Amino acid sequence: MTQTQLFFGRGNVTDTAWRSFQKSVITEHFDTGFTVVDTDGSWKDSMGIIQDERGKLVIRLHNGTQSDEASVAEVINTYKEQFNQQSVLRVDSITCAEF
């Protein structure tokens, strides 16, 4: 299986806005299941200043089909557009999983 990890910076995204996004977008596209973890990290902006930012990590196991890939892309693109984010970090790895 493919394990996809999506790191969403929260910036000014409120808890209420995140819950709404999770319910209406993530759940719709990842209807076979996913896990959400709170994160707290840092990054360097274009001015070289370290920015601290809370975030969310969404983990999804899937088969890597074209449909799966389209769902991941849709979640990423919707988040970037809806919350004016520059990026969502995506990490994919092949894993052995059993349910």
N, C-alpha and C. Protein backbone atom coordinates (compact mmCIF):
# COMPACT_ATOMS: atom_id res chain seq x y z
N MET A 1 0.84 -1.18 0.00
CA MET A 1 0.00 0.00 0.00
C MET A 1 0.89 1.24 0.00
N THR A 2 0.26 2.38 -0.32
CA THR A 2 0.94 3.66 -0.23
C THR A 2 0.46 4.37 1.02
N GLN A 3 1.41 4.90 1.79
CA GLN A 3 1.06 5.75 2.92
C GLN A 3 1.37 7.18 2.51
N THR A 4 0.35 8.00 2.51
CA THR A 4 0.51 9.42 2.20
C THR A 4 0.35 10.21 3.48
N GLN A 5 1.33 11.08 3.74
CA GLN A 5 1.26 11.99 4.87
C GLN A 5 1.15 13.41 4.32
N LEU A 6 0.15 14.13 4.77
CA LEU A 6 -0.05 15.51 4.35
C LEU A 6 0.12 16.42 5.56
N PHE A 7 1.04 17.37 5.47
CA PHE A 7 1.31 18.31 6.55
C PHE A 7 0.67 19.65 6.21
N PHE A 8 -0.35 20.02 6.97
CA PHE A 8 -1.10 21.25 6.75
C PHE A 8 -0.68 22.29 7.78
N GLY A 9 -0.06 23.38 7.34
CA GLY A 9 0.20 24.49 8.24
C GLY A 9 -1.12 25.18 8.55
N ARG A 10 -1.32 25.53 9.80
CA ARG A 10 -2.60 26.12 10.19
C ARG A 10 -2.62 27.64 10.06
N GLY A 11 -1.46 28.31 10.22
CA GLY A 11 -1.46 29.76 10.11
C GLY A 11 -2.60 30.38 10.89
N ASN A 12 -3.49 31.05 10.18
CA ASN A 12 -4.66 31.68 10.80
C ASN A 12 -5.93 30.84 10.68
N VAL A 13 -5.79 29.56 10.34
CA VAL A 13 -6.95 28.69 10.19
C VAL A 13 -7.45 28.32 11.59
N THR A 14 -8.65 28.74 11.90
CA THR A 14 -9.22 28.49 13.23
C THR A 14 -9.58 27.01 13.39
N ASP A 15 -9.79 26.61 14.63
CA ASP A 15 -10.22 25.24 14.91
C ASP A 15 -11.54 24.93 14.21
N THR A 16 -12.46 25.89 14.24
CA THR A 16 -13.76 25.70 13.59
C THR A 16 -13.60 25.54 12.09
N ALA A 17 -12.75 26.37 11.48
CA ALA A 17 -12.53 26.27 10.03
C ALA A 17 -11.88 24.94 9.68
N TRP A 18 -10.91 24.49 10.51
CA TRP A 18 -10.27 23.20 10.25
C TRP A 18 -11.29 22.07 10.32
N ARG A 19 -12.10 22.05 11.38
CA ARG A 19 -13.10 20.98 11.53
C ARG A 19 -14.05 20.95 10.34
N SER A 20 -14.45 22.11 9.86
CA SER A 20 -15.33 22.18 8.70
C SER A 20 -14.63 21.62 7.46
N PHE A 21 -13.37 22.00 7.25
CA PHE A 21 -12.60 21.49 6.11
C PHE A 21 -12.43 19.97 6.22
N GLN A 22 -12.11 19.50 7.41
CA GLN A 22 -11.93 18.06 7.60
C GLN A 22 -13.21 17.31 7.28
N LYS A 23 -14.32 17.82 7.77
CA LYS A 23 -15.60 17.13 7.57
C LYS A 23 -16.07 17.19 6.12
N SER A 24 -15.96 18.36 5.51
CA SER A 24 -16.53 18.53 4.17
C SER A 24 -15.60 18.13 3.04
N VAL A 25 -14.29 18.24 3.23
CA VAL A 25 -13.35 17.97 2.14
C VAL A 25 -12.58 16.66 2.36
N ILE A 26 -11.89 16.56 3.49
CA ILE A 26 -11.06 15.37 3.71
C ILE A 26 -11.92 14.11 3.79
N THR A 27 -12.96 14.14 4.61
CA THR A 27 -13.82 12.97 4.76
C THR A 27 -14.47 12.58 3.43
N GLU A 28 -14.83 13.57 2.63
CA GLU A 28 -15.44 13.28 1.32
C GLU A 28 -14.47 12.55 0.40
N HIS A 29 -13.21 12.99 0.37
CA HIS A 29 -12.23 12.43 -0.56
C HIS A 29 -11.50 11.21 -0.01
N PHE A 30 -11.40 11.10 1.31
CA PHE A 30 -10.72 9.96 1.93
C PHE A 30 -11.75 9.11 2.66
N ASP A 31 -12.80 8.72 1.97
CA ASP A 31 -13.94 8.07 2.60
C ASP A 31 -13.63 6.66 3.14
N THR A 32 -12.47 6.09 2.78
CA THR A 32 -12.11 4.78 3.34
C THR A 32 -11.36 4.91 4.65
N GLY A 33 -11.04 6.14 5.05
CA GLY A 33 -10.44 6.38 6.35
C GLY A 33 -9.15 7.17 6.30
N PHE A 34 -8.83 7.80 7.41
CA PHE A 34 -7.61 8.59 7.57
C PHE A 34 -7.41 8.87 9.05
N THR A 35 -6.24 9.36 9.41
CA THR A 35 -5.90 9.73 10.78
C THR A 35 -5.40 11.16 10.78
N VAL A 36 -5.76 11.93 11.80
CA VAL A 36 -5.31 13.32 11.94
C VAL A 36 -4.54 13.45 13.25
N VAL A 37 -3.37 14.10 13.17
CA VAL A 37 -2.52 14.32 14.33
C VAL A 37 -2.20 15.81 14.41
N ASP A 38 -2.27 16.39 15.62
CA ASP A 38 -1.86 17.77 15.81
C ASP A 38 -0.34 17.86 15.72
N THR A 39 0.17 18.94 15.10
CA THR A 39 1.61 19.14 14.98
C THR A 39 1.99 20.53 15.47
N ASP A 40 3.26 20.68 15.76
CA ASP A 40 3.82 21.97 16.17
C ASP A 40 5.22 22.01 15.58
N GLY A 41 5.46 22.91 14.62
CA GLY A 41 6.74 22.92 13.94
C GLY A 41 7.22 24.31 13.61
N SER A 42 8.30 24.36 12.83
CA SER A 42 8.90 25.62 12.41
C SER A 42 9.32 25.53 10.96
N TRP A 43 9.43 26.69 10.32
CA TRP A 43 9.92 26.78 8.95
C TRP A 43 10.53 28.15 8.74
N LYS A 44 11.39 28.26 7.72
CA LYS A 44 12.05 29.53 7.43
C LYS A 44 11.33 30.19 6.25
N ASP A 45 10.88 31.44 6.47
CA ASP A 45 10.17 32.13 5.39
C ASP A 45 11.16 32.73 4.38
N SER A 46 10.63 33.38 3.35
CA SER A 46 11.47 33.92 2.28
C SER A 46 12.41 35.02 2.74
N MET A 47 12.14 35.60 3.90
CA MET A 47 13.01 36.64 4.47
C MET A 47 14.07 36.04 5.39
N GLY A 48 14.06 34.70 5.53
CA GLY A 48 15.03 34.03 6.38
C GLY A 48 14.65 34.01 7.85
N ILE A 49 13.40 34.35 8.14
CA ILE A 49 12.92 34.39 9.53
C ILE A 49 12.26 33.07 9.87
N ILE A 50 12.63 32.50 11.01
CA ILE A 50 12.02 31.25 11.47
C ILE A 50 10.61 31.54 11.97
N GLN A 51 9.66 30.81 11.44
CA GLN A 51 8.26 30.94 11.82
C GLN A 51 7.82 29.67 12.54
N ASP A 52 7.22 29.84 13.70
CA ASP A 52 6.62 28.70 14.41
C ASP A 52 5.18 28.58 13.94
N GLU A 53 4.74 27.36 13.76
CA GLU A 53 3.38 27.18 13.26
C GLU A 53 2.80 25.85 13.74
N ARG A 54 1.59 25.93 14.23
CA ARG A 54 0.87 24.70 14.56
C ARG A 54 0.28 24.16 13.27
N GLY A 55 -0.03 22.88 13.27
CA GLY A 55 -0.54 22.30 12.05
C GLY A 55 -1.29 21.01 12.31
N LYS A 56 -1.59 20.35 11.22
CA LYS A 56 -2.26 19.05 11.25
C LYS A 56 -1.52 18.12 10.29
N LEU A 57 -1.36 16.89 10.71
CA LEU A 57 -0.82 15.84 9.86
C LEU A 57 -1.95 14.87 9.57
N VAL A 58 -2.24 14.67 8.29
CA VAL A 58 -3.26 13.72 7.88
C VAL A 58 -2.55 12.54 7.23
N ILE A 59 -2.84 11.34 7.74
CA ILE A 59 -2.21 10.12 7.24
C ILE A 59 -3.29 9.27 6.58
N ARG A 60 -2.99 8.82 5.36
CA ARG A 60 -3.94 8.00 4.63
C ARG A 60 -3.22 6.82 4.00
N LEU A 61 -3.77 5.63 4.16
CA LEU A 61 -3.29 4.45 3.46
C LEU A 61 -4.21 4.20 2.27
N HIS A 62 -3.59 3.92 1.11
CA HIS A 62 -4.40 3.69 -0.09
C HIS A 62 -3.62 2.83 -1.08
N ASN A 63 -4.27 2.48 -2.17
CA ASN A 63 -3.68 1.58 -3.16
C ASN A 63 -2.85 2.29 -4.23
N GLY A 64 -2.86 3.61 -4.24
CA GLY A 64 -2.07 4.34 -5.22
C GLY A 64 -2.67 4.38 -6.61
N THR A 65 -3.97 4.16 -6.71
CA THR A 65 -4.64 4.22 -8.01
C THR A 65 -4.75 5.67 -8.49
N GLN A 66 -5.13 5.84 -9.74
CA GLN A 66 -5.34 7.19 -10.27
C GLN A 66 -6.42 7.92 -9.47
N SER A 67 -7.44 7.22 -9.07
CA SER A 67 -8.50 7.81 -8.26
C SER A 67 -7.97 8.26 -6.90
N ASP A 68 -7.13 7.43 -6.28
CA ASP A 68 -6.51 7.80 -5.00
C ASP A 68 -5.65 9.06 -5.16
N GLU A 69 -4.85 9.08 -6.21
CA GLU A 69 -3.98 10.24 -6.47
C GLU A 69 -4.80 11.50 -6.71
N ALA A 70 -5.90 11.37 -7.43
CA ALA A 70 -6.77 12.53 -7.70
C ALA A 70 -7.39 13.05 -6.40
N SER A 71 -7.76 12.14 -5.52
CA SER A 71 -8.34 12.54 -4.23
C SER A 71 -7.34 13.32 -3.38
N VAL A 72 -6.10 12.83 -3.33
CA VAL A 72 -5.06 13.52 -2.56
C VAL A 72 -4.83 14.91 -3.16
N ALA A 73 -4.70 14.99 -4.46
CA ALA A 73 -4.48 16.28 -5.12
C ALA A 73 -5.63 17.25 -4.86
N GLU A 74 -6.84 16.76 -4.87
CA GLU A 74 -8.01 17.61 -4.63
C GLU A 74 -8.00 18.17 -3.21
N VAL A 75 -7.67 17.35 -2.24
CA VAL A 75 -7.60 17.82 -0.85
C VAL A 75 -6.54 18.91 -0.72
N ILE A 76 -5.35 18.67 -1.28
CA ILE A 76 -4.26 19.65 -1.21
C ILE A 76 -4.68 20.96 -1.88
N ASN A 77 -5.17 20.87 -3.10
CA ASN A 77 -5.52 22.08 -3.85
C ASN A 77 -6.65 22.86 -3.19
N THR A 78 -7.63 22.17 -2.66
CA THR A 78 -8.74 22.85 -1.99
C THR A 78 -8.24 23.59 -0.75
N TYR A 79 -7.37 22.96 0.03
CA TYR A 79 -6.84 23.61 1.23
C TYR A 79 -6.06 24.87 0.85
N LYS A 80 -5.18 24.76 -0.14
CA LYS A 80 -4.38 25.90 -0.55
C LYS A 80 -5.26 27.06 -1.01
N GLU A 81 -6.27 26.76 -1.79
CA GLU A 81 -7.17 27.80 -2.30
C GLU A 81 -8.05 28.38 -1.19
N GLN A 82 -8.64 27.52 -0.40
CA GLN A 82 -9.60 27.96 0.62
C GLN A 82 -8.94 28.81 1.71
N PHE A 83 -7.68 28.46 2.07
CA PHE A 83 -7.03 29.14 3.19
C PHE A 83 -5.81 29.95 2.77
N ASN A 84 -5.66 30.18 1.46
CA ASN A 84 -4.58 31.00 0.93
C ASN A 84 -3.21 30.53 1.43
N GLN A 85 -2.97 29.22 1.34
CA GLN A 85 -1.69 28.63 1.77
C GLN A 85 -0.79 28.43 0.56
N GLN A 86 0.52 28.61 0.74
CA GLN A 86 1.47 28.42 -0.34
C GLN A 86 1.64 26.96 -0.70
N SER A 87 1.59 26.10 0.32
CA SER A 87 1.87 24.69 0.05
C SER A 87 1.30 23.80 1.14
N VAL A 88 1.22 22.53 0.81
CA VAL A 88 0.94 21.46 1.75
C VAL A 88 2.04 20.43 1.49
N LEU A 89 2.80 20.08 2.53
CA LEU A 89 3.87 19.10 2.36
C LEU A 89 3.25 17.72 2.22
N ARG A 90 3.69 17.00 1.18
CA ARG A 90 3.20 15.64 0.93
C ARG A 90 4.38 14.68 0.97
N VAL A 91 4.25 13.60 1.74
CA VAL A 91 5.26 12.55 1.81
C VAL A 91 4.58 11.23 1.51
N ASP A 92 5.07 10.50 0.51
CA ASP A 92 4.53 9.19 0.16
C ASP A 92 5.58 8.12 0.41
N SER A 93 5.14 6.99 0.91
CA SER A 93 6.04 5.85 1.08
C SER A 93 5.25 4.56 0.84
N ILE A 94 5.96 3.57 0.35
CA ILE A 94 5.36 2.25 0.17
C ILE A 94 5.48 1.52 1.49
N THR A 95 4.38 0.91 1.93
CA THR A 95 4.37 0.24 3.22
C THR A 95 3.57 -1.05 3.14
N CYS A 96 3.82 -1.92 4.06
CA CYS A 96 3.05 -3.14 4.19
C CYS A 96 2.04 -2.92 5.30
N ALA A 97 0.78 -3.07 5.00
CA ALA A 97 -0.28 -2.83 6.00
C ALA A 97 -1.32 -3.91 5.88
N GLU A 98 -1.95 -4.21 7.01
CA GLU A 98 -3.01 -5.21 7.03
C GLU A 98 -4.11 -4.72 7.97
N PHE A 99 -5.35 -4.88 7.55
CA PHE A 99 -6.48 -4.49 8.37
C PHE A 99 -7.17 -5.72 8.91
